[in-house]
């Protein structure tokens, strides 16, 4: 049990599923969310991204029986925000 706890721990309370969503995004798109040449030019602050995340997360729906957003839904929320910021459809590479 302790091995699992150390392997899955996150430094801040209630961030585990966001962390899993980031990892799912990396699997889907082979990069981290909000990273790349178009985002480097924007000088996005964490506050702006957090505001956009809060807005889009409220619109997202938890799958029946789960009671929370799953990692793939969180990854798709990242994708929606990236599309809003860049004006481009995000596709896998």
Protein backbone atom coordinates (compact mmCIF):
# COMPACT_ATOMS: atom_id res chain seq x y z
CA UNK A 1 0.00 0.00 0.00
CA UNK A 2 2.77 2.48 0.86
CA UNK A 3 4.42 1.95 -2.52
CA UNK A 4 1.14 2.85 -4.25
CA UNK A 5 0.66 5.92 -2.04
CA UNK A 6 4.15 7.22 -2.83
CA UNK A 7 3.72 6.47 -6.56
CA UNK A 8 0.38 8.30 -6.85
CA UNK A 9 0.75 11.15 -4.38
CA UNK A 10 0.43 14.81 -5.42
CA UNK A 11 1.85 17.77 -3.51
CA UNK A 12 -1.42 19.69 -3.10
CA UNK A 13 -4.83 18.60 -1.86
CA UNK A 14 -7.45 17.84 -4.51
CA UNK A 15 -5.08 17.95 -7.50
CA UNK A 16 -4.76 14.23 -8.18
CA UNK A 17 -7.38 14.12 -10.95
CA UNK A 18 -6.01 17.24 -12.66
CA UNK A 19 -2.59 15.59 -12.64
CA UNK A 20 -4.10 12.46 -14.19
CA UNK A 21 -5.84 14.65 -16.79
CA UNK A 22 -2.49 16.21 -17.72
CA UNK A 23 -0.97 12.74 -18.13
CA UNK A 24 -3.93 11.68 -20.30
CA UNK A 25 -3.47 14.81 -22.44
CA UNK A 26 0.22 13.88 -22.89
CA UNK A 27 -0.79 10.39 -24.04
CA UNK A 28 -3.33 11.82 -26.48
CA UNK A 29 -1.25 14.65 -27.95
CA UNK A 30 2.39 13.70 -27.17
CA UNK A 31 3.02 17.02 -25.37
CA UNK A 32 2.07 18.89 -22.22
CA UNK A 33 -1.00 21.15 -22.30
CA UNK A 34 -0.33 24.84 -23.02
CA UNK A 35 3.20 24.12 -24.29
CA UNK A 36 4.44 24.86 -27.76
CA UNK A 37 5.46 27.82 -29.91
CA UNK A 38 1.99 29.38 -30.09
CA UNK A 39 1.63 29.37 -26.30
CA UNK A 40 5.16 30.71 -25.70
CA UNK A 41 4.17 33.84 -27.63
CA UNK A 42 1.04 34.38 -25.51
CA UNK A 43 2.73 34.76 -22.11
CA UNK A 44 -0.20 33.05 -20.39
CA UNK A 45 -0.27 33.32 -16.62
CA UNK A 46 -1.40 30.49 -14.39
CA UNK A 47 -4.25 32.73 -13.20
CA UNK A 48 -5.69 33.05 -16.71
CA UNK A 49 -5.47 29.31 -17.28
CA UNK A 50 -7.07 28.61 -13.88
CA UNK A 51 -9.95 30.98 -14.67
CA UNK A 52 -10.55 29.31 -18.03
CA UNK A 53 -10.31 25.88 -16.41
CA UNK A 54 -12.84 26.78 -13.73
CA UNK A 55 -15.26 28.08 -16.36
CA UNK A 56 -14.96 25.01 -18.61
CA UNK A 57 -14.93 22.49 -15.75
CA UNK A 58 -18.33 23.79 -14.61
CA UNK A 59 -19.71 22.95 -18.06
CA UNK A 60 -18.27 19.42 -18.09
CA UNK A 61 -20.40 16.52 -16.91
CA UNK A 62 -19.23 13.58 -14.83
CA UNK A 63 -19.94 10.21 -16.38
CA UNK A 64 -22.79 8.25 -14.83
CA UNK A 65 -21.74 6.40 -11.71
CA UNK A 66 -18.32 8.09 -11.35
CA UNK A 67 -19.26 11.20 -9.39
CA UNK A 68 -16.28 13.17 -10.74
CA UNK A 69 -14.64 14.10 -14.01
CA UNK A 70 -12.41 11.33 -15.30
CA UNK A 71 -8.89 11.99 -16.67
CA UNK A 72 -9.95 11.85 -20.33
CA UNK A 73 -12.68 14.44 -19.73
CA UNK A 74 -10.17 16.72 -18.00
CA UNK A 75 -7.77 16.26 -20.94
CA UNK A 76 -10.57 17.27 -23.30
CA UNK A 77 -11.24 20.39 -21.19
CA UNK A 78 -7.56 21.31 -21.67
CA UNK A 79 -8.07 20.80 -25.42
CA UNK A 80 -11.14 23.07 -25.48
CA UNK A 81 -9.24 25.83 -23.70
CA UNK A 82 -6.28 25.50 -26.07
CA UNK A 83 -8.66 25.76 -29.03
CA UNK A 84 -10.25 28.89 -27.55
CA UNK A 85 -6.87 30.51 -26.97
CA UNK A 86 -5.34 29.68 -30.35
CA UNK A 87 -8.43 29.67 -32.55
CA UNK A 88 -7.18 26.38 -34.03
CA UNK A 89 -8.61 22.90 -33.88
CA UNK A 90 -6.26 20.74 -31.80
CA UNK A 91 -5.42 17.43 -33.45
CA UNK A 92 -3.17 14.58 -32.46
CA UNK A 93 0.34 14.65 -33.84
